[in-house]
Amino acid sequence: MRPNPANNLDCNGWSPKYQPVAPAHRALCTDARGSEYGNGGGRFIDNGHYVGHDEPSVKFISNVAGSGNTMTYFMTLPKDPAAAATNTGSVTNYAELSPAPWFGLPICDPASYPLNPCTPDSDRNSGSFTDPNAAGSAFMELQFYPPGLAPFADSVSCDQTQWCSALTITSFLVNFDFTDFNLNCIEPQNIAFLQRNGVPAGPPSPQLADISTLTPNAQTLMMNSGDVLKVQISDPGGGTGPGLTTTVTDLTTGQSGFMVASAANGFMNTDIQTCQGSPFTFHAEYSSAKIQNQVPWTSLDTGVLMEQEIGHGEVCSSLASKDPVAFSGFSDNSVFDTCMGGPGEGGNRGEGSCNLQTGNCVNPTMQGTAGPVACPSKSFLSGQLCEYADGYCLPQGTRTVSLLGQAVTETSPVNFCGQNRFQNGDLDFDGLSYQNSSWPNGSPNTPMSARYAGPFMANGRPYPTIQFESNAPNSESLCDFDTLAGCVVPPQGASFYPFFTMTSKQPLGSPVGLPAGACVWNFGNTIQGITTADFGQDAQYGAVSVDKPGNSISAPTANPEFNGSCPAFSQP
């Protein structure tokens, strides 16, 4: 299938040939490793741009057959404070902290790194980065998008008041030794909202995705803050079945939505030479969730993952450097590049703007030991781990944008910057994700934590082993991949780093009945009167991996949700 001029063939948006269908969505890609021998020294440099994410995660491990392709989570969606969010960060909403909590899983794709055959649902596949015969692998993320910053085409929300969810499958078109790749389509992504009728809102494939793909319709599953969800990921029938299937049942409202990653639904994989797509039905890669069963090209030690995407939010007293956008059926004349006087800026001018012709930017910064310092290059084409601009920045209040030829009202509760226009993320670590007072802590001025139970295997039993991990070091300019010096969590210069906690005092909520004293996961900060275990706070992330210097990971440990002071229980 021949690609559209604007598409999702490089979800990072840096393809020299194709325009991105939604350049504000760089945060929704999968974080890739780079060549240890080429530009970037082990970090992924996409057409001169560093591409990184900050993704604290819990990896769930099991040797049981089926644990790598069938699982169920329960989740309570966070509620935002009753008070309005502020431009000082004194009151925060969840969309400002994380654009996409997600659940992840390795997927077979013979057209993805390292371009080898892959047997679905099989532990015969190798996921080793050092194995030239490893199976071709993609990575699935079932992402949840918090409300408040809509429309989705321009930001991170489907709606001003409701959540939505999408199935994404991201591939990496590089061979084993990084000698064969196509920079026009290096990281293609399939994406589709979960729909009540299972029919994608628009073409999901990297080649044909357009603004309709990213625009919810009447069939898109919408969920309320505080709703309790049952989340199921499965591969019915294995490699000969209909395809990887994700289903979310809102136990509070009784509604459900699903998506099957099938050729029949328009999913495609991508030819490395031509960027053209072929209808393809995706399946889970592994039978079990053994510790080695992962995607070889990702910066995280992937597998069965529960994650929070962070480092994509800054609020500001005002905005500067107006820089309108127009792409693929969407235009907005009131977008800015620079955050003025945000809590992370110390009352000063932030980063940006940038000149598209010269590549030069105003006031680019990078990680320092005690806070942001000047970037050694003013060019956003340099590949440096620098924050070149704060944009896309959305002004507080309502304004009119054009979506699919229609005038649409867009609303932002605060002056909000996504830090994803000229780089991907908060690379000087001064935004809301790195402020102690921003995250759920029991204060009425912070949102409720996302709460999780599980995952549970097909037999109803929990996964026995976990690892905590964070790929923040991948984005740290002070992290030396050769010596591992400076590769730490929390990042140097960050005033805070969020962490996973557990509570036996606050269950998921009706209608999920858990045994008395059962434990559930939370994320963010210690919650006064609620948290019963914090796993050493940031110490939970362990130490930087010798094999993956961009990833800090703990030793495997017994799953604390079902061990120690937490009573064991099966899937409710």
Protein backbone atom coordinates (compact mmCIF):
# COMPACT_ATOMS: atom_id res chain seq x y z
CA MET A 1 0.00 0.00 0.00
CA ARG A 2 1.49 3.29 -1.13
CA PRO A 3 1.84 5.83 1.73
CA ASN A 4 -0.07 9.07 2.00
CA PRO A 5 2.08 12.25 1.99
CA ALA A 6 1.18 12.72 5.67
CA ASN A 7 1.19 9.53 7.70
CA ASN A 8 2.53 7.69 10.76
CA LEU A 9 5.56 6.04 9.14
CA ASP A 10 7.84 7.75 11.62
CA CYS A 11 5.74 8.39 14.68
CA ASN A 12 8.52 10.68 15.96
CA GLY A 13 7.70 13.00 13.05
CA TRP A 14 11.24 13.46 11.70
CA SER A 15 10.94 11.64 8.37
CA PRO A 16 12.60 13.74 5.61
CA LYS A 17 10.07 12.46 3.05
CA TYR A 18 6.71 12.27 4.84
CA GLN A 19 4.82 14.73 7.00
CA PRO A 20 3.63 13.48 10.39
CA VAL A 21 -0.12 13.08 10.76
CA ALA A 22 0.11 14.45 14.32
CA PRO A 23 3.52 15.87 15.31
CA ALA A 24 2.34 16.55 18.87
CA HIS A 25 2.18 12.78 19.48
CA ARG A 26 5.90 12.02 19.76
CA ALA A 27 5.32 11.04 23.39
CA LEU A 28 3.19 8.10 22.21
CA CYS A 29 6.02 6.31 20.36
CA THR A 30 8.06 3.46 21.83
CA ASP A 31 11.51 4.44 23.09
CA ALA A 32 14.16 2.74 20.95
CA ARG A 33 17.80 1.92 21.49
CA GLY A 34 20.34 3.19 19.01
CA SER A 35 23.48 1.73 17.50
CA GLU A 36 26.32 1.51 20.00
CA TYR A 37 28.71 2.24 17.16
CA GLY A 38 26.99 5.03 15.27
CA ASN A 39 25.78 8.54 15.93
CA GLY A 40 24.23 8.60 19.38
CA GLY A 41 26.50 6.03 21.00
CA GLY A 42 23.62 3.73 21.94
CA ARG A 43 20.87 6.35 21.98
CA PHE A 44 18.40 6.60 19.11
CA ILE A 45 19.05 9.61 16.86
CA ASP A 46 16.26 10.02 14.29
CA ASN A 47 17.32 12.23 11.38
CA GLY A 48 19.48 14.38 13.65
CA HIS A 49 17.00 14.49 16.54
CA TYR A 50 17.46 12.69 19.83
CA VAL A 51 14.39 10.60 20.58
CA GLY A 52 13.82 9.63 24.20
CA HIS A 53 11.12 9.05 26.77
CA ASP A 54 10.81 8.76 30.53
CA GLU A 55 8.81 5.65 31.36
CA PRO A 56 8.85 4.31 34.93
CA SER A 57 7.46 0.78 34.72
CA VAL A 58 6.77 -2.51 36.47
CA LYS A 59 7.66 -5.65 34.52
CA PHE A 60 5.71 -8.81 35.38
CA ILE A 61 7.48 -12.16 35.00
CA SER A 62 6.16 -15.73 34.78
CA ASN A 63 7.28 -19.02 33.24
CA VAL A 64 3.68 -20.26 32.89
CA ALA A 65 2.56 -20.99 29.31
CA GLY A 66 0.14 -18.33 28.15
CA SER A 67 1.41 -15.64 30.52
CA GLY A 68 3.07 -13.88 27.57
CA ASN A 69 -0.11 -13.53 25.52
CA THR A 70 -3.13 -13.51 27.84
CA MET A 71 -3.57 -11.22 30.85
CA THR A 72 -6.13 -9.18 32.77
CA TYR A 73 -5.63 -5.95 34.73
CA PHE A 74 -8.09 -4.00 36.85
CA MET A 75 -7.65 -0.23 36.91
CA THR A 76 -9.31 2.76 38.53
CA LEU A 77 -8.99 5.93 36.46
CA PRO A 78 -7.69 8.93 38.42
CA LYS A 79 -9.94 11.80 39.40
CA ASP A 80 -8.71 15.37 39.11
CA PRO A 81 -9.02 17.89 41.97
CA ALA A 82 -12.31 19.72 42.44
CA ALA A 83 -10.40 23.01 42.28
CA ALA A 84 -9.30 24.30 38.88
CA ALA A 85 -5.73 23.60 37.80
CA THR A 86 -3.38 26.58 38.14
CA ASN A 87 -0.55 28.07 36.11
CA THR A 88 1.68 27.92 39.17
CA GLY A 89 1.34 24.15 39.52
CA SER A 90 -0.30 24.53 42.94
CA VAL A 91 -3.23 22.46 41.59
CA THR A 92 -2.49 19.81 38.95
CA ASN A 93 -4.56 17.57 36.68
CA TYR A 94 -3.49 14.11 35.54
CA ALA A 95 -3.11 15.10 31.87
CA GLU A 96 -0.38 17.53 32.95
CA LEU A 97 1.57 14.70 34.62
CA SER A 98 1.21 11.79 32.22
CA PRO A 99 -0.13 11.90 28.66
CA ALA A 100 -0.54 8.12 28.56
CA PRO A 101 -0.45 5.49 31.27
CA TRP A 102 -0.18 2.20 29.35
CA PHE A 103 0.12 -1.59 29.41
CA GLY A 104 2.68 -3.19 27.09
CA LEU A 105 3.43 -6.49 25.35
CA PRO A 106 5.97 -7.83 22.77
CA ILE A 107 4.48 -8.49 19.32
CA CYS A 108 5.67 -10.48 16.30
CA ASP A 109 6.63 -8.43 13.24
CA PRO A 110 9.15 -9.97 10.80
CA ALA A 111 9.50 -6.53 9.16
CA SER A 112 10.84 -5.03 12.42
CA TYR A 113 14.27 -5.24 14.08
CA PRO A 114 16.25 -7.35 13.39
CA LEU A 115 14.18 -8.24 10.29
CA ASN A 116 13.91 -11.98 11.01
CA PRO A 117 10.97 -14.39 11.01
CA CYS A 118 8.89 -14.57 14.19
CA THR A 119 6.72 -17.45 15.38
CA PRO A 120 3.68 -16.07 17.24
CA ASP A 121 3.01 -17.13 20.83
CA SER A 122 6.26 -19.07 21.04
CA ASP A 123 9.14 -19.13 23.51
CA ARG A 124 11.37 -20.27 20.65
CA ASN A 125 11.76 -16.61 19.74
CA SER A 126 14.87 -14.84 21.01
CA GLY A 127 14.59 -11.28 22.26
CA SER A 128 18.31 -10.67 22.72
CA PHE A 129 19.83 -7.46 21.32
CA THR A 130 23.11 -9.33 20.74
CA ASP A 131 21.51 -12.22 18.82
CA PRO A 132 21.54 -11.68 15.04
CA ASN A 133 18.89 -14.41 14.77
CA ALA A 134 16.47 -12.79 17.23
CA ALA A 135 12.85 -12.68 16.10
CA GLY A 136 11.48 -9.59 14.38
CA SER A 137 9.65 -7.75 17.14
CA ALA A 138 7.26 -4.85 17.57
CA PHE A 139 5.86 -3.46 20.82
CA MET A 140 2.22 -3.00 21.74
CA GLU A 141 1.07 -0.26 24.09
CA LEU A 142 -2.54 -0.10 25.25
CA GLN A 143 -2.58 3.59 26.10
CA PHE A 144 -5.08 5.56 28.21
CA TYR A 145 -5.49 9.29 27.57
CA PRO A 146 -6.61 11.55 30.45
CA PRO A 147 -9.12 14.35 29.89
CA GLY A 148 -8.73 18.12 29.82
CA LEU A 149 -6.51 18.91 26.82
CA ALA A 150 -8.65 18.15 23.76
CA PRO A 151 -8.85 17.64 20.81
CA PHE A 152 -6.54 14.65 20.62
CA ALA A 153 -5.15 15.67 17.23
CA ASP A 154 -3.38 18.64 18.83
CA SER A 155 -2.70 17.36 22.33
CA VAL A 156 -3.22 14.40 24.65
CA SER A 157 -6.97 14.21 25.39
CA CYS A 158 -9.97 12.86 23.50
CA ASP A 159 -12.35 14.98 25.53
CA GLN A 160 -12.45 17.73 28.13
CA THR A 161 -14.01 15.48 30.78
CA GLN A 162 -13.64 11.84 29.71
CA TRP A 163 -10.87 9.32 29.13
CA CYS A 164 -10.33 7.22 26.00
CA SER A 165 -7.91 4.45 25.07
CA ALA A 166 -5.98 3.33 21.98
CA LEU A 167 -4.07 0.27 20.84
CA THR A 168 -0.67 1.17 19.37
CA ILE A 169 1.87 -1.18 17.78
CA THR A 170 5.25 0.36 17.05
CA SER A 171 7.93 -1.27 14.89
CA PHE A 172 11.59 -0.39 14.32
CA LEU A 173 12.85 -0.77 10.74
CA VAL A 174 16.54 -1.51 11.31
CA ASN A 175 18.59 -4.66 10.80
CA PHE A 176 20.81 -6.30 13.42
CA ASP A 177 24.00 -4.31 12.83
CA PHE A 178 22.25 -1.00 12.01
CA THR A 179 23.60 -1.01 8.43
CA ASP A 180 20.21 -1.31 6.73
CA PHE A 181 17.52 1.21 7.60
CA ASN A 182 15.30 3.75 5.89
CA LEU A 183 15.17 7.13 7.60
CA ASN A 184 11.93 7.91 5.76
CA CYS A 185 10.05 5.30 7.81
CA ILE A 186 12.28 4.19 10.66
CA GLU A 187 9.64 3.87 13.42
CA PRO A 188 6.20 3.17 11.93
CA GLN A 189 3.20 2.92 14.22
CA ASN A 190 -0.27 1.41 13.89
CA ILE A 191 -2.83 3.15 16.14
CA ALA A 192 -6.58 2.73 16.71
CA PHE A 193 -8.95 3.85 19.45
CA LEU A 194 -10.84 1.13 21.30
CA GLN A 195 -14.33 1.23 19.83
CA ARG A 196 -17.64 -0.08 21.13
CA ASN A 197 -18.20 -1.76 17.73
CA GLY A 198 -14.53 -2.67 17.17
CA VAL A 199 -14.33 -0.66 13.91
CA PRO A 200 -11.36 1.76 13.80
CA ALA A 201 -12.29 5.45 13.75
CA GLY A 202 -9.92 5.90 10.78
CA PRO A 203 -7.18 3.94 8.98
CA PRO A 204 -4.83 2.54 11.68
CA SER A 205 -1.88 1.69 9.43
CA PRO A 206 1.32 3.77 9.32
CA GLN A 207 0.80 4.40 5.61
CA LEU A 208 -2.84 5.51 5.59
CA ALA A 209 -3.36 7.02 9.05
CA ASP A 210 -4.92 10.45 8.83
CA ILE A 211 -6.59 12.90 11.15
CA SER A 212 -9.75 10.73 11.26
CA THR A 213 -7.63 7.98 12.82
CA LEU A 214 -6.95 10.32 15.72
CA THR A 215 -10.43 11.82 16.02
CA PRO A 216 -12.89 9.96 18.28
CA ASN A 217 -16.31 9.21 16.81
CA ALA A 218 -19.64 8.10 18.23
CA GLN A 219 -18.34 4.55 18.71
CA THR A 220 -15.16 5.44 20.64
CA LEU A 221 -15.24 4.08 24.18
CA MET A 222 -15.31 7.05 26.54
CA MET A 223 -14.74 6.59 30.27
CA ASN A 224 -15.22 8.77 33.32
CA SER A 225 -12.63 9.69 35.90
CA GLY A 226 -13.04 7.35 38.85
CA ASP A 227 -14.47 4.52 36.75
CA VAL A 228 -13.23 0.99 37.49
CA LEU A 229 -12.03 -0.91 34.40
CA LYS A 230 -11.34 -4.51 33.50
CA VAL A 231 -8.53 -4.55 30.91
CA GLN A 232 -7.97 -7.73 28.90
CA ILE A 233 -5.13 -8.39 26.46
CA SER A 234 -5.22 -11.69 24.57
CA ASP A 235 -4.33 -13.47 21.35
CA PRO A 236 -7.28 -15.81 20.81
CA GLY A 237 -6.43 -18.78 18.64
CA GLY A 238 -2.72 -17.96 18.72
CA GLY A 239 -0.93 -17.35 15.43
CA THR A 240 -3.90 -18.56 13.38
CA GLY A 241 -6.52 -16.58 15.28
CA PRO A 242 -8.12 -13.23 14.47
CA GLY A 243 -5.24 -11.20 15.94
CA LEU A 244 -4.09 -9.57 19.13
CA THR A 245 -7.20 -8.32 20.92
CA THR A 246 -7.50 -5.63 23.55
CA THR A 247 -10.77 -5.17 25.44
CA VAL A 248 -11.67 -2.61 28.09
CA THR A 249 -14.86 -3.12 30.08
CA ASP A 250 -15.97 -0.17 32.15
CA LEU A 251 -17.38 -1.95 35.19
CA THR A 252 -18.86 1.32 36.47
CA THR A 253 -20.96 2.14 33.40
CA GLY A 254 -21.27 -1.32 31.82
CA GLN A 255 -19.90 -0.13 28.47
CA SER A 256 -17.01 -1.85 26.70
CA GLY A 257 -14.76 -1.30 23.72
CA PHE A 258 -12.26 -3.43 21.86
CA MET A 259 -9.79 -3.48 19.02
CA VAL A 260 -8.31 -6.39 17.05
CA ALA A 261 -4.92 -5.73 15.44
CA SER A 262 -5.86 -7.47 12.21
CA ALA A 263 -5.40 -7.04 8.49
CA ALA A 264 -9.20 -6.99 8.26
CA ASN A 265 -9.20 -3.88 10.45
CA GLY A 266 -6.57 -2.15 8.29
CA PHE A 267 -3.42 -2.88 10.30
CA MET A 268 -0.22 -3.18 8.24
CA ASN A 269 3.46 -3.83 8.61
CA THR A 270 6.01 -1.87 6.62
CA ASP A 271 8.60 -2.69 3.97
CA ILE A 272 11.98 -1.27 4.96
CA GLN A 273 13.01 -0.47 1.39
CA THR A 274 9.86 1.18 0.04
CA CYS A 275 7.93 2.21 3.20
CA GLN A 276 4.88 0.62 1.60
CA GLY A 277 2.47 -1.34 3.76
CA SER A 278 1.07 -4.84 3.54
CA PRO A 279 -2.08 -5.91 5.39
CA PHE A 280 -0.87 -7.77 8.45
CA THR A 281 -2.43 -9.42 11.45
CA PHE A 282 -0.34 -8.93 14.56
CA HIS A 283 0.03 -11.59 17.25
CA ALA A 284 1.73 -11.79 20.61
CA GLU A 285 5.35 -12.85 20.29
CA TYR A 286 5.80 -15.16 23.26
CA SER A 287 4.00 -17.94 25.07
CA SER A 288 5.30 -17.04 28.53
CA ALA A 289 6.50 -13.90 30.27
CA LYS A 290 9.95 -15.27 31.07
CA ILE A 291 12.45 -12.59 32.00
CA GLN A 292 14.32 -12.89 28.69
CA ASN A 293 11.17 -12.66 26.56
CA GLN A 294 11.36 -9.05 25.48
CA VAL A 295 11.65 -6.80 22.42
CA PRO A 296 15.38 -6.48 21.61
CA TRP A 297 15.35 -2.90 20.26
CA THR A 298 13.52 -1.09 23.06
CA SER A 299 15.28 1.00 25.70
CA LEU A 300 13.21 -0.63 28.46
CA ASP A 301 13.45 -4.32 29.28
CA THR A 302 10.06 -4.87 27.75
CA GLY A 303 7.68 -7.73 28.37
CA VAL A 304 4.40 -7.67 30.26
CA LEU A 305 4.62 -4.03 31.40
CA MET A 306 2.59 -1.54 33.45
CA GLU A 307 3.87 1.98 32.82
CA GLN A 308 3.43 5.73 33.25
CA GLU A 309 4.69 8.06 30.48
CA ILE A 310 6.06 11.19 32.16
CA GLY A 311 8.20 14.23 31.32
CA HIS A 312 5.81 15.92 28.90
CA GLY A 313 4.22 18.76 30.82
CA GLU A 314 4.98 22.26 32.01
CA VAL A 315 2.59 25.03 33.10
CA CYS A 316 3.34 28.72 32.66
CA SER A 317 2.25 32.12 33.89
CA SER A 318 2.21 33.22 30.24
CA LEU A 319 3.31 32.04 26.79
CA ALA A 320 5.61 33.59 24.18
CA SER A 321 6.91 32.87 20.67
CA LYS A 322 3.63 32.36 18.82
CA ASP A 323 4.11 29.60 16.25
CA PRO A 324 0.92 28.43 14.45
CA VAL A 325 0.57 24.83 13.29
CA ALA A 326 -1.13 23.30 10.27
CA PHE A 327 -0.97 19.61 9.39
CA SER A 328 -3.08 16.85 7.90
CA GLY A 329 -6.56 18.35 8.28
CA PHE A 330 -5.82 20.32 11.43
CA SER A 331 -4.77 23.92 12.00
CA ASP A 332 -4.36 26.06 15.10
CA ASN A 333 -3.21 29.68 14.94
CA SER A 334 -2.77 30.07 18.71
CA VAL A 335 0.10 27.73 19.56
CA PHE A 336 3.31 28.95 21.21
CA ASP A 337 6.86 27.70 21.78
CA THR A 338 7.99 29.28 25.05
CA CYS A 339 6.86 28.90 28.66
CA MET A 340 7.25 32.11 30.66
CA GLY A 341 7.57 31.95 34.43
CA GLY A 342 6.53 28.34 34.98
CA PRO A 343 7.32 26.64 38.33
CA GLY A 344 10.26 24.87 36.72
CA GLU A 345 11.55 28.05 35.09
CA GLY A 346 12.07 29.91 38.38
CA GLY A 347 10.06 32.84 37.06
CA ASN A 348 12.31 33.15 34.01
CA ARG A 349 11.90 32.74 30.26
CA GLY A 350 11.84 29.13 29.12
CA GLU A 351 13.21 27.53 25.97
CA GLY A 352 12.44 28.49 22.35
CA SER A 353 11.55 29.50 19.79
CA CYS A 354 13.39 27.77 16.93
CA ASN A 355 14.06 28.81 13.34
CA LEU A 356 12.97 26.05 10.96
CA GLN A 357 15.31 27.28 8.21
CA THR A 358 18.52 27.48 10.26
CA GLY A 359 17.63 25.03 13.05
CA ASN A 360 18.80 27.54 15.66
CA CYS A 361 16.85 28.03 18.88
CA VAL A 362 16.66 30.62 21.63
CA ASN A 363 17.86 29.64 25.11
CA PRO A 364 18.11 25.83 24.70
CA THR A 365 18.98 24.05 27.94
CA MET A 366 20.02 20.60 29.10
CA GLN A 367 20.45 18.60 32.28
CA GLY A 368 22.77 20.01 34.93
CA THR A 369 23.74 18.63 38.31
CA ALA A 370 21.65 21.24 40.15
CA GLY A 371 19.14 22.20 37.46
CA PRO A 372 19.10 23.26 33.80
CA VAL A 373 22.27 24.56 32.14
CA ALA A 374 22.90 25.98 28.66
CA CYS A 375 22.94 23.50 25.79
CA PRO A 376 26.30 23.34 23.94
CA SER A 377 24.43 23.65 20.62
CA LYS A 378 21.66 26.02 19.61
CA SER A 379 20.58 23.73 16.75
CA PHE A 380 17.76 21.29 17.26
CA LEU A 381 19.34 19.23 14.46
CA SER A 382 22.47 18.52 16.51
CA GLY A 383 21.28 15.32 18.17
CA GLN A 384 22.20 16.75 21.57
CA LEU A 385 20.11 15.76 24.59
CA CYS A 386 18.76 19.30 24.94
CA GLU A 387 15.41 20.96 25.41
CA TYR A 388 15.26 23.38 22.50
CA ALA A 389 11.74 24.71 23.01
CA ASP A 390 8.84 24.22 25.40
CA GLY A 391 6.20 23.86 22.65
CA TYR A 392 3.74 22.74 21.67
CA CYS A 393 2.30 25.28 24.15
CA LEU A 394 -1.47 25.68 24.41
CA PRO A 395 -2.93 28.89 25.88
CA GLN A 396 -5.31 28.81 28.83
CA GLY A 397 -8.96 29.17 27.92
CA THR A 398 -10.94 28.40 24.79
CA ARG A 399 -10.10 29.09 21.18
CA THR A 400 -11.25 27.94 17.75
CA VAL A 401 -9.23 25.46 15.69
CA SER A 402 -9.94 23.74 12.38
CA LEU A 403 -10.42 19.96 12.47
CA LEU A 404 -11.45 18.02 9.37
CA GLY A 405 -12.69 21.26 7.81
CA GLN A 406 -14.88 22.13 10.78
CA ALA A 407 -14.46 24.87 13.36
CA VAL A 408 -13.91 23.18 16.73
CA THR A 409 -13.54 24.70 20.18
CA GLU A 410 -10.32 23.74 21.93
CA THR A 411 -9.92 24.32 25.65
CA SER A 412 -6.90 24.21 27.93
CA PRO A 413 -7.37 24.59 31.71
CA VAL A 414 -3.88 26.15 32.03
CA ASN A 415 -1.07 27.54 29.89
CA PHE A 416 0.33 24.11 29.05
CA CYS A 417 3.51 23.11 27.20
CA GLY A 418 4.09 19.54 26.00
CA GLN A 419 7.86 19.93 25.33
CA ASN A 420 7.58 17.87 22.16
CA ARG A 421 7.89 20.21 19.17
CA PHE A 422 11.66 20.34 18.58
CA GLN A 423 12.67 17.49 20.89
CA ASN A 424 10.80 14.76 22.67
CA GLY A 425 10.32 15.52 26.32
CA ASP A 426 11.52 17.49 29.31
CA LEU A 427 15.25 16.98 28.79
CA ASP A 428 16.31 19.47 31.48
CA PHE A 429 14.03 17.79 34.07
CA ASP A 430 12.34 20.93 35.41
CA GLY A 431 8.68 20.37 34.49
CA LEU A 432 5.71 19.13 36.49
CA SER A 433 6.81 15.49 36.34
CA TYR A 434 9.82 16.41 38.47
CA GLN A 435 8.05 18.52 41.12
CA ASN A 436 7.29 16.91 44.50
CA SER A 437 3.97 18.71 44.96
CA SER A 438 2.56 17.73 41.55
CA TRP A 439 1.93 14.03 42.05
CA PRO A 440 -0.85 12.30 44.02
CA ASN A 441 0.07 12.67 47.69
CA GLY A 442 -3.28 12.86 49.46
CA SER A 443 -3.61 16.60 48.98
CA PRO A 444 -6.90 17.85 47.44
CA ASN A 445 -4.71 19.87 45.04
CA THR A 446 -3.29 16.80 43.28
CA PRO A 447 -5.18 14.19 41.27
CA MET A 448 -6.00 10.78 42.62
CA SER A 449 -3.44 8.14 41.77
CA ALA A 450 -4.11 5.60 39.06
CA ARG A 451 -4.86 2.35 40.94
CA TYR A 452 -4.14 -1.13 39.61
CA ALA A 453 -4.76 -4.73 40.59
CA GLY A 454 -2.99 -7.53 38.76
CA PRO A 455 -2.16 -8.47 36.13
CA PHE A 456 -3.60 -11.95 36.31
CA MET A 457 -2.76 -14.82 33.98
CA ALA A 458 -5.38 -16.82 32.08
CA ASN A 459 -5.59 -19.25 35.03
CA GLY A 460 -6.55 -16.36 37.31
CA ARG A 461 -3.27 -16.43 39.19
CA PRO A 462 -1.00 -13.37 39.55
CA TYR A 463 2.46 -13.07 38.04
CA PRO A 464 4.89 -14.29 40.72
CA THR A 465 7.85 -12.00 40.00
CA ILE A 466 8.40 -8.35 39.11
CA GLN A 467 11.10 -5.83 38.28
CA PHE A 468 10.86 -2.05 38.65
CA GLU A 469 12.55 -0.08 35.88
CA SER A 470 12.94 3.41 34.42
CA ASN A 471 14.57 4.49 31.17
CA ALA A 472 15.16 8.04 32.41
CA PRO A 473 18.97 7.58 32.09
CA ASN A 474 18.51 7.27 28.33
CA SER A 475 17.51 10.96 28.29
CA GLU A 476 20.13 12.16 30.78
CA SER A 477 22.96 14.11 29.13
CA LEU A 478 25.04 13.44 32.25
CA CYS A 479 24.70 9.66 31.79
CA ASP A 480 27.88 8.24 30.21
CA PHE A 481 26.99 5.01 28.41
CA ASP A 482 30.66 3.90 28.35
CA THR A 483 31.41 4.24 32.07
CA LEU A 484 27.79 4.29 33.41
CA ALA A 485 28.75 7.35 35.47
CA GLY A 486 25.84 9.72 36.03
CA CYS A 487 23.25 7.14 34.94
CA VAL A 488 20.96 7.49 37.94
CA VAL A 489 17.33 7.69 39.03
CA PRO A 490 16.24 10.26 39.98
CA PRO A 491 18.05 12.19 37.24
CA GLN A 492 20.61 14.70 38.46
CA GLY A 493 19.04 18.14 38.57
CA ALA A 494 15.50 16.85 39.06
CA SER A 495 13.96 17.94 42.34
CA PHE A 496 11.71 14.86 42.47
CA TYR A 497 11.02 11.59 40.66
CA PRO A 498 7.69 9.71 40.98
CA PHE A 499 7.56 6.07 42.11
CA PHE A 500 5.23 3.11 42.56
CA THR A 501 3.59 2.48 45.90
CA MET A 502 1.06 0.05 47.33
CA THR A 503 -1.88 0.32 49.67
CA SER A 504 -4.02 -2.15 51.59
CA LYS A 505 -6.31 0.68 52.77
CA GLN A 506 -7.88 1.88 49.52
CA PRO A 507 -9.33 -0.81 47.20
CA LEU A 508 -10.13 -0.28 43.55
CA GLY A 509 -13.76 0.47 44.28
CA SER A 510 -17.08 -1.11 43.42
CA PRO A 511 -17.90 -3.37 41.65
CA VAL A 512 -14.53 -5.17 42.01
CA GLY A 513 -14.59 -7.00 45.31
CA LEU A 514 -11.13 -7.71 46.70
CA PRO A 515 -10.39 -9.66 49.89
CA ALA A 516 -10.03 -7.68 53.12
CA GLY A 517 -6.55 -6.18 53.31
CA ALA A 518 -5.81 -6.84 49.62
CA CYS A 519 -3.13 -4.61 48.14
CA VAL A 520 -3.37 -2.47 45.00
CA TRP A 521 -0.74 -0.50 43.10
CA ASN A 522 -0.56 3.32 43.09
CA PHE A 523 1.84 5.65 41.30
CA GLY A 524 3.27 9.07 42.01
CA ASN A 525 4.16 9.91 45.59
CA THR A 526 3.56 8.76 49.16
CA ILE A 527 -0.16 9.28 49.79
CA GLN A 528 -0.82 10.44 53.32
CA GLY A 529 -2.95 7.96 55.24
CA ILE A 530 -3.10 5.56 52.25
CA THR A 531 0.38 4.28 51.29
CA THR A 532 1.42 1.11 53.10
CA ALA A 533 4.59 0.33 51.07
CA ASP A 534 6.83 2.55 48.94
CA PHE A 535 9.61 0.06 48.05
CA GLY A 536 12.36 2.52 48.94
CA GLN A 537 10.78 5.21 46.75
CA ASP A 538 13.28 5.98 43.94
CA ALA A 539 15.60 3.21 45.17
CA GLN A 540 13.01 0.78 43.77
CA TYR A 541 14.39 1.39 40.26
CA GLY A 542 17.62 -0.43 41.10
CA ALA A 543 20.79 0.27 39.16
CA VAL A 544 21.61 1.06 35.56
CA SER A 545 21.83 -2.01 33.33
CA VAL A 546 25.21 -2.89 31.85
CA ASP A 547 23.44 -4.32 28.78
CA LYS A 548 21.11 -1.32 28.44
CA PRO A 549 22.87 1.74 29.92
CA GLY A 550 19.77 3.84 29.31
CA ASN A 551 17.68 1.71 31.64
CA SER A 552 17.78 1.47 35.42
CA ILE A 553 16.25 -1.78 36.65
CA SER A 554 15.84 -3.65 39.92
CA ALA A 555 16.69 -7.26 40.57
CA PRO A 556 13.78 -9.68 40.11
CA THR A 557 11.73 -9.87 43.29
CA ALA A 558 8.58 -11.59 44.49
CA ASN A 559 5.47 -9.71 43.40
CA PRO A 560 4.71 -7.58 46.48
CA GLU A 561 1.00 -7.32 45.70
CA PHE A 562 0.58 -10.97 46.70
CA ASN A 563 3.43 -11.55 49.15
CA GLY A 564 4.56 -10.49 52.61
CA SER A 565 2.02 -8.29 54.32
CA CYS A 566 -0.25 -8.42 51.24
CA PRO A 567 -2.55 -11.47 51.19
CA ALA A 568 -2.49 -13.67 48.09
CA PHE A 569 -5.67 -13.65 46.00
CA SER A 570 -6.81 -14.73 42.55
CA GLN A 571 -8.51 -12.69 39.84
CA PRO A 572 -11.78 -11.32 41.24
